Amino acid sequence: MSSSEVRAAVPGDGGSTQTLQTFMDEIFRALRRPEQRRWAQAYLWALIHGAGKKTPRTMALAKPLPPAAAHGLHRFINASPWDWNPVRHRLAREVAARTAPQAWTVAELIIPKRGEHSVGVHRRVDPATGRTVNCQRALVFFLASGGQCYPVDWSLVLGGAWDSDRERRRRARIPGSEAGRTPADHVTAYAAEAAAHPGL
């Protein structure tokens, strides 16, 4: 299935659907290749409208995407080399333009996982439950305004074998710049990024 067929399948007329299409056009304009923009839009559409676990196969079942979209979604998510920083910058600017930023906050997110093959998966005590879980650990940077918090940046926190096992890092295509980064390093980078954009 071609990316243009996917774009044609994602509705773009009327009400909130048109608003979503306009939002996706703006946010993903930073992607250089047209097929990446189309797959990014299909991916976001499927995240919002798909039910259950968000795998490429189940996401492709989100109407009106055809099941053949699973392969393209898989390639976009796992194999397409695209720089997410411009997309995240556009997202932060879009949020800031629509609300009055009052504060920034960071939250830790524990993402339970069944297997051990997803990047960053390790055993860890979940502070919310006190149980040891197999999980990924992420930090999310939020722009707070009024009673709402909007996620505008996020990153996995790697550690243990994910910092020291070169073969594991190579297979997962983890950049060398991600080695040894502590949660404090991530928070400092978030703050520097926000300070570099006066509009935020």
C-alpha atoms as a PDB file:
ATOM      1  CA  MET A   1       0.000   0.000   0.000  1.00  0.00           C
ATOM      2  CA  SER A   2       1.388   3.403  -0.928  1.00  0.00           C
ATOM      3  CA  SER A   3       1.569   6.344   1.447  1.00  0.00           C
ATOM      4  CA  SER A   4      -0.681   8.360  -0.893  1.00  0.00           C
ATOM      5  CA  GLU A   5      -3.380   5.684  -0.518  1.00  0.00           C
ATOM      6  CA  VAL A   6      -3.039   6.036   3.250  1.00  0.00           C
ATOM      7  CA  ARG A   7      -3.434   9.822   3.026  1.00  0.00           C
ATOM      8  CA  ALA A   8      -6.568   9.346   0.939  1.00  0.00           C
ATOM      9  CA  ALA A   9      -7.936   6.942   3.561  1.00  0.00           C
ATOM     10  CA  VAL A  10      -7.535   9.399   6.451  1.00  0.00           C
ATOM     11  CA  PRO A  11     -10.676  11.563   6.458  1.00  0.00           C
ATOM     12  CA  GLY A  12     -10.105  15.256   6.012  1.00  0.00           C
ATOM     13  CA  ASP A  13     -13.501  16.915   5.856  1.00  0.00           C
ATOM     14  CA  GLY A  14     -15.794  18.421   8.387  1.00  0.00           C
ATOM     15  CA  GLY A  15     -15.648  19.549  12.012  1.00  0.00           C
ATOM     16  CA  SER A  16     -13.128  18.069  14.404  1.00  0.00           C
ATOM     17  CA  THR A  17     -11.755  15.799  11.663  1.00  0.00           C
ATOM     18  CA  GLN A  18     -10.764  18.859   9.626  1.00  0.00           C
ATOM     19  CA  THR A  19      -9.241  20.435  12.730  1.00  0.00           C
ATOM     20  CA  LEU A  20      -7.175  17.280  13.285  1.00  0.00           C
ATOM     21  CA  GLN A  21      -6.079  17.287   9.638  1.00  0.00           C
ATOM     22  CA  THR A  22      -5.001  20.942   9.877  1.00  0.00           C
ATOM     23  CA  PHE A  23      -3.109  20.178  13.092  1.00  0.00           C
ATOM     24  CA  MET A  24      -1.337  17.172  11.516  1.00  0.00           C
ATOM     25  CA  ASP A  25      -0.436  19.192   8.405  1.00  0.00           C
ATOM     26  CA  GLU A  26       1.212  21.837  10.591  1.00  0.00           C
ATOM     27  CA  ILE A  27       2.986  19.544  13.053  1.00  0.00           C
ATOM     28  CA  PHE A  28       4.359  17.122  10.468  1.00  0.00           C
ATOM     29  CA  ARG A  29       5.378  19.782   7.931  1.00  0.00           C
ATOM     30  CA  ALA A  30       8.856  19.506   9.481  1.00  0.00           C
ATOM     31  CA  LEU A  31       9.287  16.041   7.955  1.00  0.00           C
ATOM     32  CA  ARG A  32      11.144  16.432   4.662  1.00  0.00           C
ATOM     33  CA  ARG A  33       9.747  13.512   2.686  1.00  0.00           C
ATOM     34  CA  PRO A  34       6.061  13.513   1.655  1.00  0.00           C
ATOM     35  CA  GLU A  35       5.648   9.784   2.363  1.00  0.00           C
ATOM     36  CA  GLN A  36       6.971  10.293   5.911  1.00  0.00           C
ATOM     37  CA  ARG A  37       4.426  13.067   6.452  1.00  0.00           C
ATOM     38  CA  ARG A  38       1.639  10.789   5.208  1.00  0.00           C
ATOM     39  CA  TRP A  39       2.708   7.866   7.389  1.00  0.00           C
ATOM     40  CA  ALA A  40       3.120  10.189  10.392  1.00  0.00           C
ATOM     41  CA  GLN A  41      -0.440  11.380   9.889  1.00  0.00           C
ATOM     42  CA  ALA A  42      -1.714   7.809   9.512  1.00  0.00           C
ATOM     43  CA  TYR A  43       0.179   6.869  12.695  1.00  0.00           C
ATOM     44  CA  LEU A  44      -1.320   9.733  14.734  1.00  0.00           C
ATOM     45  CA  TRP A  45      -4.782   8.995  13.313  1.00  0.00           C
ATOM     46  CA  ALA A  46      -4.448   5.341  14.320  1.00  0.00           C
ATOM     47  CA  LEU A  47      -3.163   6.237  17.816  1.00  0.00           C
ATOM     48  CA  ILE A  48      -6.242   8.369  18.399  1.00  0.00           C
ATOM     49  CA  HIS A  49      -8.857   6.179  16.736  1.00  0.00           C
ATOM     50  CA  GLY A  50      -7.466   2.660  17.162  1.00  0.00           C
ATOM     51  CA  ALA A  51      -8.649   0.418  19.971  1.00  0.00           C
ATOM     52  CA  GLY A  52      -6.637  -1.835  22.257  1.00  0.00           C
ATOM     53  CA  LYS A  53      -2.890  -2.366  22.232  1.00  0.00           C
ATOM     54  CA  LYS A  54      -1.105   0.002  19.846  1.00  0.00           C
ATOM     55  CA  THR A  55       0.842  -2.327  17.570  1.00  0.00           C
ATOM     56  CA  PRO A  56       1.167  -1.578  13.837  1.00  0.00           C
ATOM     57  CA  ARG A  57      -1.209  -4.464  13.076  1.00  0.00           C
ATOM     58  CA  THR A  58      -3.937  -3.363  15.492  1.00  0.00           C
ATOM     59  CA  MET A  59      -3.463   0.313  14.604  1.00  0.00           C
ATOM     60  CA  ALA A  60      -4.017  -0.494  10.921  1.00  0.00           C
ATOM     61  CA  LEU A  61      -7.507  -1.658  11.904  1.00  0.00           C
ATOM     62  CA  ALA A  62      -8.488   1.911  12.815  1.00  0.00           C
ATOM     63  CA  LYS A  63     -11.128   2.930  10.307  1.00  0.00           C
ATOM     64  CA  PRO A  64     -10.734   3.939   7.542  1.00  0.00           C
ATOM     65  CA  LEU A  65      -7.140   2.665   7.286  1.00  0.00           C
ATOM     66  CA  PRO A  66      -6.925  -0.616   5.384  1.00  0.00           C
ATOM     67  CA  PRO A  67      -5.241  -3.600   7.110  1.00  0.00           C
ATOM     68  CA  ALA A  68      -2.484  -3.406   4.481  1.00  0.00           C
ATOM     69  CA  ALA A  69      -1.328  -0.217   6.243  1.00  0.00           C
ATOM     70  CA  ALA A  70       0.255  -2.347   9.006  1.00  0.00           C
ATOM     71  CA  HIS A  71       3.485  -2.826   7.044  1.00  0.00           C
ATOM     72  CA  GLY A  72       3.837   0.893   6.311  1.00  0.00           C
ATOM     73  CA  LEU A  73       3.125   1.826   9.932  1.00  0.00           C
ATOM     74  CA  HIS A  74       5.700  -0.715  11.102  1.00  0.00           C
ATOM     75  CA  ARG A  75       8.336   0.705   8.741  1.00  0.00           C
ATOM     76  CA  PHE A  76       7.548   4.297   9.772  1.00  0.00           C
ATOM     77  CA  ILE A  77       7.754   3.518  13.494  1.00  0.00           C
ATOM     78  CA  ASN A  78      10.735   1.167  13.471  1.00  0.00           C
ATOM     79  CA  ALA A  79      12.822   1.804  10.373  1.00  0.00           C
ATOM     80  CA  SER A  80      12.184   5.273   8.973  1.00  0.00           C
ATOM     81  CA  PRO A  81      15.059   7.648   9.792  1.00  0.00           C
ATOM     82  CA  TRP A  82      13.436  10.942  10.720  1.00  0.00           C
ATOM     83  CA  ASP A  83      14.447  13.692  13.101  1.00  0.00           C
ATOM     84  CA  TRP A  84      11.727  14.106  15.721  1.00  0.00           C
ATOM     85  CA  ASN A  85      13.138  17.352  17.184  1.00  0.00           C
ATOM     86  CA  PRO A  86      11.554  19.702  14.607  1.00  0.00           C
ATOM     87  CA  VAL A  87       8.221  17.916  15.077  1.00  0.00           C
ATOM     88  CA  ARG A  88       8.431  18.323  18.848  1.00  0.00           C
ATOM     89  CA  HIS A  89       9.413  21.990  18.499  1.00  0.00           C
ATOM     90  CA  ARG A  90       6.374  22.597  16.300  1.00  0.00           C
ATOM     91  CA  LEU A  91       4.184  20.787  18.832  1.00  0.00           C
ATOM     92  CA  ALA A  92       5.471  22.960  21.703  1.00  0.00           C
ATOM     93  CA  ARG A  93       4.989  26.162  19.683  1.00  0.00           C
ATOM     94  CA  GLU A  94       1.473  25.099  18.662  1.00  0.00           C
ATOM     95  CA  VAL A  95       0.507  24.427  22.284  1.00  0.00           C
ATOM     96  CA  ALA A  96       2.068  27.696  23.491  1.00  0.00           C
ATOM     97  CA  ALA A  97       0.234  29.649  20.767  1.00  0.00           C
ATOM     98  CA  ARG A  98      -3.131  28.256  21.869  1.00  0.00           C
ATOM     99  CA  THR A  99      -2.734  28.664  25.624  1.00  0.00           C
ATOM    100  CA  ALA A 100      -0.941  30.846  28.154  1.00  0.00           C
ATOM    101  CA  PRO A 101       2.077  28.885  29.436  1.00  0.00           C
ATOM    102  CA  GLN A 102       2.341  29.260  33.210  1.00  0.00           C
ATOM    103  CA  ALA A 103       4.845  26.603  34.240  1.00  0.00           C
ATOM    104  CA  TRP A 104       6.846  23.598  33.124  1.00  0.00           C
ATOM    105  CA  THR A 105       6.784  20.263  34.897  1.00  0.00           C
ATOM    106  CA  VAL A 106       8.354  16.849  34.476  1.00  0.00           C
ATOM    107  CA  ALA A 107       6.777  13.503  35.316  1.00  0.00           C
ATOM    108  CA  GLU A 108       8.182   9.992  35.384  1.00  0.00           C
ATOM    109  CA  LEU A 109       6.263   7.374  33.455  1.00  0.00           C
ATOM    110  CA  ILE A 110       6.638   3.624  34.023  1.00  0.00           C
ATOM    111  CA  ILE A 111       5.573   1.655  30.929  1.00  0.00           C
ATOM    112  CA  PRO A 112       5.006  -2.044  31.740  1.00  0.00           C
ATOM    113  CA  LYS A 113       6.329  -4.476  29.114  1.00  0.00           C
ATOM    114  CA  ARG A 114       5.912  -8.243  28.757  1.00  0.00           C
ATOM    115  CA  GLY A 115       9.112  -9.028  26.879  1.00  0.00           C
ATOM    116  CA  GLU A 116      12.686  -7.834  27.123  1.00  0.00           C
ATOM    117  CA  HIS A 117      13.290  -6.697  23.549  1.00  0.00           C
ATOM    118  CA  SER A 118      11.866  -3.169  23.560  1.00  0.00           C
ATOM    119  CA  VAL A 119      14.513  -0.482  23.981  1.00  0.00           C
ATOM    120  CA  GLY A 120      15.271   0.316  27.604  1.00  0.00           C
ATOM    121  CA  VAL A 121      13.243  -2.516  29.162  1.00  0.00           C
ATOM    122  CA  HIS A 122      14.500  -3.559  32.585  1.00  0.00           C
ATOM    123  CA  ARG A 123      13.212  -4.667  35.990  1.00  0.00           C
ATOM    124  CA  ARG A 124      12.373  -1.793  38.286  1.00  0.00           C
ATOM    125  CA  VAL A 125      10.287  -1.033  41.354  1.00  0.00           C
ATOM    126  CA  ASP A 126       7.203   0.923  40.335  1.00  0.00           C
ATOM    127  CA  PRO A 127       6.982   3.777  42.890  1.00  0.00           C
ATOM    128  CA  ALA A 128       3.187   3.921  42.514  1.00  0.00           C
ATOM    129  CA  THR A 129       2.574   0.261  43.412  1.00  0.00           C
ATOM    130  CA  GLY A 130       5.775  -0.816  45.186  1.00  0.00           C
ATOM    131  CA  ARG A 131       5.944  -3.874  42.905  1.00  0.00           C
ATOM    132  CA  THR A 132       8.910  -4.879  40.757  1.00  0.00           C
ATOM    133  CA  VAL A 133       7.857  -4.709  37.118  1.00  0.00           C
ATOM    134  CA  ASN A 134       9.379  -5.323  33.720  1.00  0.00           C
ATOM    135  CA  CYS A 135       9.163  -1.875  32.154  1.00  0.00           C
ATOM    136  CA  GLN A 136      10.517   1.070  30.252  1.00  0.00           C
ATOM    137  CA  ARG A 137      11.135   4.260  32.191  1.00  0.00           C
ATOM    138  CA  ALA A 138      10.361   7.581  30.540  1.00  0.00           C
ATOM    139  CA  LEU A 139      10.396  11.233  31.484  1.00  0.00           C
ATOM    140  CA  VAL A 140       7.751  13.551  30.055  1.00  0.00           C
ATOM    141  CA  PHE A 141       8.085  17.346  29.873  1.00  0.00           C
ATOM    142  CA  PHE A 142       4.764  19.184  30.234  1.00  0.00           C
ATOM    143  CA  LEU A 143       3.706  22.757  29.553  1.00  0.00           C
ATOM    144  CA  ALA A 144       1.177  23.662  32.257  1.00  0.00           C
ATOM    145  CA  SER A 145      -1.582  26.206  31.741  1.00  0.00           C
ATOM    146  CA  GLY A 146      -4.642  26.650  33.891  1.00  0.00           C
ATOM    147  CA  GLY A 147      -5.818  23.208  34.923  1.00  0.00           C
ATOM    148  CA  GLN A 148      -4.204  21.433  31.972  1.00  0.00           C
ATOM    149  CA  CYS A 149      -0.774  19.915  31.290  1.00  0.00           C
ATOM    150  CA  TYR A 150       0.338  19.325  27.696  1.00  0.00           C
ATOM    151  CA  PRO A 151       3.167  16.880  26.879  1.00  0.00           C
ATOM    152  CA  VAL A 152       5.679  18.594  24.588  1.00  0.00           C
ATOM    153  CA  ASP A 153       8.796  16.429  24.991  1.00  0.00           C
ATOM    154  CA  TRP A 154       9.622  12.957  26.277  1.00  0.00           C
ATOM    155  CA  SER A 155      12.472  10.489  26.398  1.00  0.00           C
ATOM    156  CA  LEU A 156      13.336   7.008  27.603  1.00  0.00           C
ATOM    157  CA  VAL A 157      15.750   6.798  30.499  1.00  0.00           C
ATOM    158  CA  LEU A 158      18.246   4.066  29.739  1.00  0.00           C
ATOM    159  CA  GLY A 159      20.402   2.339  32.314  1.00  0.00           C
ATOM    160  CA  GLY A 160      22.156  -0.865  33.235  1.00  0.00           C
ATOM    161  CA  ALA A 161      22.820  -3.080  30.214  1.00  0.00           C
ATOM    162  CA  TRP A 162      21.313  -0.443  27.934  1.00  0.00           C
ATOM    163  CA  ASP A 163      24.236   1.826  28.823  1.00  0.00           C
ATOM    164  CA  SER A 164      27.021  -0.749  28.763  1.00  0.00           C
ATOM    165  CA  ASP A 165      26.086  -3.509  26.276  1.00  0.00           C
ATOM    166  CA  ARG A 166      27.418  -2.285  22.914  1.00  0.00           C
ATOM    167  CA  GLU A 167      25.811  -5.068  20.898  1.00  0.00           C
ATOM    168  CA  ARG A 168      22.383  -4.468  22.433  1.00  0.00           C
ATOM    169  CA  ARG A 169      22.747  -0.722  21.755  1.00  0.00           C
ATOM    170  CA  ARG A 170      23.847  -1.368  18.166  1.00  0.00           C
ATOM    171  CA  ARG A 171      20.888  -3.664  17.445  1.00  0.00           C
ATOM    172  CA  ALA A 172      18.479  -1.082  18.863  1.00  0.00           C
ATOM    173  CA  ARG A 173      20.231   1.751  16.945  1.00  0.00           C
ATOM    174  CA  ILE A 174      20.722   3.820  20.108  1.00  0.00           C
ATOM    175  CA  PRO A 175      22.897   6.875  19.394  1.00  0.00           C
ATOM    176  CA  GLY A 176      26.152   7.185  21.337  1.00  0.00           C
ATOM    177  CA  SER A 177      24.923  10.514  22.731  1.00  0.00           C
ATOM    178  CA  GLU A 178      22.312   8.621  24.782  1.00  0.00           C
ATOM    179  CA  ALA A 179      24.868   6.703  26.861  1.00  0.00           C
ATOM    180  CA  GLY A 180      25.016   7.490  30.557  1.00  0.00           C
ATOM    181  CA  ARG A 181      22.267  10.123  30.566  1.00  0.00           C
ATOM    182  CA  THR A 182      20.683  10.459  33.996  1.00  0.00           C
ATOM    183  CA  PRO A 183      17.165  11.756  34.657  1.00  0.00           C
ATOM    184  CA  ALA A 184      18.770  15.050  35.719  1.00  0.00           C
ATOM    185  CA  ASP A 185      20.512  15.252  32.315  1.00  0.00           C
ATOM    186  CA  HIS A 186      17.159  14.869  30.570  1.00  0.00           C
ATOM    187  CA  VAL A 187      15.485  17.520  32.745  1.00  0.00           C
ATOM    188  CA  THR A 188      18.364  19.951  32.164  1.00  0.00           C
ATOM    189  CA  ALA A 189      18.057  19.408  28.405  1.00  0.00           C
ATOM    190  CA  TYR A 190      14.294  20.056  28.561  1.00  0.00           C
ATOM    191  CA  ALA A 191      14.865  23.300  30.465  1.00  0.00           C
ATOM    192  CA  ALA A 192      17.572  24.436  28.026  1.00  0.00           C
ATOM    193  CA  GLU A 193      15.289  23.708  25.087  1.00  0.00           C
ATOM    194  CA  ALA A 194      12.433  25.726  26.592  1.00  0.00           C
ATOM    195  CA  ALA A 195      14.779  28.634  27.441  1.00  0.00           C
ATOM    196  CA  ALA A 196      16.086  28.683  23.852  1.00  0.00           C
ATOM    197  CA  HIS A 197      12.589  29.480  22.513  1.00  0.00           C
ATOM    198  CA  PRO A 198      11.365  32.831  23.891  1.00  0.00           C
ATOM    199  CA  GLY A 199       7.795  32.117  22.779  1.00  0.00           C
ATOM    200  CA  LEU A 200       7.639  29.302  25.293  1.00  0.00           C
END
